[in-house]
N, C-alpha and C. Protein backbone atom coordinates (compact mmCIF):
# COMPACT_ATOMS: atom_id res chain seq x y z
N MET A 1 56.73 32.14 -16.59
CA MET A 1 56.77 30.72 -16.25
C MET A 1 55.76 30.40 -15.14
N ASP A 2 54.96 31.38 -14.73
CA ASP A 2 54.01 31.13 -13.66
C ASP A 2 52.97 30.10 -14.07
N ILE A 3 52.59 30.11 -15.34
CA ILE A 3 51.58 29.17 -15.83
C ILE A 3 52.07 27.74 -15.65
N LEU A 4 53.32 27.49 -16.01
CA LEU A 4 53.86 26.14 -15.87
C LEU A 4 53.91 25.72 -14.41
N ASP A 5 54.21 26.66 -13.52
CA ASP A 5 54.30 26.32 -12.09
C ASP A 5 52.94 25.89 -11.54
N GLN A 6 51.86 26.42 -12.11
CA GLN A 6 50.53 26.10 -11.61
C GLN A 6 49.99 24.80 -12.21
N MET A 7 50.62 24.29 -13.24
CA MET A 7 50.16 23.07 -13.89
C MET A 7 50.61 21.82 -13.13
N PRO A 8 49.80 20.76 -13.20
CA PRO A 8 50.27 19.46 -12.71
C PRO A 8 51.43 18.98 -13.57
N ARG A 9 52.21 18.04 -13.06
CA ARG A 9 53.43 17.62 -13.75
C ARG A 9 53.11 17.02 -15.11
N GLU A 10 52.07 16.19 -15.19
CA GLU A 10 51.74 15.53 -16.46
C GLU A 10 51.36 16.57 -17.51
N GLU A 11 50.52 17.52 -17.11
CA GLU A 11 50.11 18.56 -18.07
C GLU A 11 51.30 19.39 -18.50
N ARG A 12 52.20 19.63 -17.55
CA ARG A 12 53.39 20.43 -17.87
C ARG A 12 54.23 19.71 -18.93
N LEU A 13 54.43 18.41 -18.74
CA LEU A 13 55.23 17.64 -19.71
C LEU A 13 54.57 17.68 -21.08
N GLU A 14 53.25 17.48 -21.10
CA GLU A 14 52.53 17.48 -22.38
C GLU A 14 52.61 18.86 -23.03
N PHE A 15 52.49 19.91 -22.22
CA PHE A 15 52.55 21.28 -22.73
C PHE A 15 53.90 21.55 -23.38
N VAL A 16 54.97 21.17 -22.67
CA VAL A 16 56.33 21.39 -23.19
C VAL A 16 56.55 20.56 -24.44
N ARG A 17 56.06 19.32 -24.43
CA ARG A 17 56.24 18.44 -25.58
C ARG A 17 55.54 19.03 -26.80
N ASN A 18 54.32 19.52 -26.62
CA ASN A 18 53.58 20.13 -27.73
C ASN A 18 54.30 21.36 -28.26
N ALA A 19 54.82 22.17 -27.34
CA ALA A 19 55.53 23.38 -27.75
C ALA A 19 56.78 23.01 -28.55
N LEU A 20 57.47 21.97 -28.10
CA LEU A 20 58.67 21.52 -28.81
C LEU A 20 58.30 21.04 -30.21
N CYS A 21 57.24 20.24 -30.30
CA CYS A 21 56.82 19.72 -31.61
C CYS A 21 56.45 20.87 -32.54
N ASP A 22 55.75 21.87 -32.02
CA ASP A 22 55.38 23.02 -32.84
C ASP A 22 56.62 23.75 -33.34
N ALA A 23 57.58 23.94 -32.44
CA ALA A 23 58.80 24.65 -32.82
C ALA A 23 59.57 23.87 -33.88
N ILE A 24 59.65 22.55 -33.71
CA ILE A 24 60.38 21.72 -34.67
C ILE A 24 59.67 21.76 -36.03
N ALA A 25 58.35 21.67 -36.01
CA ALA A 25 57.59 21.70 -37.26
C ALA A 25 57.80 23.03 -37.97
N LEU A 26 57.78 24.12 -37.21
CA LEU A 26 58.01 25.44 -37.80
C LEU A 26 59.39 25.52 -38.42
N LYS A 27 60.38 25.02 -37.69
CA LYS A 27 61.76 25.09 -38.17
C LYS A 27 61.91 24.28 -39.44
N GLN A 28 61.32 23.08 -39.47
CA GLN A 28 61.41 22.24 -40.66
C GLN A 28 60.71 22.91 -41.84
N LYS A 29 59.59 23.58 -41.56
CA LYS A 29 58.84 24.25 -42.63
C LYS A 29 59.68 25.38 -43.23
N GLN A 30 60.42 26.09 -42.38
CA GLN A 30 61.22 27.21 -42.86
C GLN A 30 62.43 26.73 -43.64
N THR A 31 63.08 25.64 -43.17
CA THR A 31 64.33 25.20 -43.79
C THR A 31 64.08 24.18 -44.89
N ASP A 32 62.82 23.82 -45.13
CA ASP A 32 62.51 22.81 -46.15
C ASP A 32 62.72 23.39 -47.54
N PRO A 33 63.70 22.90 -48.30
CA PRO A 33 63.98 23.44 -49.63
C PRO A 33 62.88 23.10 -50.63
N VAL A 34 62.12 22.03 -50.36
CA VAL A 34 61.08 21.60 -51.29
C VAL A 34 59.81 22.43 -51.10
N GLY A 35 59.72 23.15 -49.98
CA GLY A 35 58.53 23.94 -49.67
C GLY A 35 58.19 24.91 -50.78
N GLY A 36 59.15 25.73 -51.17
CA GLY A 36 58.96 26.66 -52.28
C GLY A 36 57.72 27.52 -52.12
N GLU A 37 56.81 27.43 -53.09
CA GLU A 37 55.63 28.28 -53.09
C GLU A 37 54.65 27.88 -51.99
N ALA A 38 54.71 26.63 -51.56
CA ALA A 38 53.76 26.16 -50.55
C ALA A 38 53.94 26.93 -49.25
N SER A 39 55.18 27.29 -48.91
CA SER A 39 55.44 27.99 -47.65
C SER A 39 55.33 29.50 -47.84
N ASN A 40 55.02 29.96 -49.05
CA ASN A 40 54.88 31.39 -49.31
C ASN A 40 53.55 31.88 -48.74
N PRO A 41 53.56 32.82 -47.79
CA PRO A 41 52.31 33.28 -47.16
C PRO A 41 51.40 34.02 -48.14
N ASP A 42 51.95 34.52 -49.24
CA ASP A 42 51.14 35.26 -50.21
C ASP A 42 50.22 34.33 -50.99
N SER A 43 50.70 33.12 -51.32
CA SER A 43 49.87 32.19 -52.10
C SER A 43 48.90 31.48 -51.18
N GLY A 44 47.59 31.67 -51.39
CA GLY A 44 46.62 31.00 -50.56
C GLY A 44 46.06 31.98 -49.59
């Protein structure tokens, strides 16, 4: 957490917000039943 401590408050908020969005997007991608072959790492 040292990196966050060295950041200004605005950058810290943006950093956390981006991390949250990434985590949510990942979770939705994994639990999306319509994903099917699209989420398969082998195809593509």
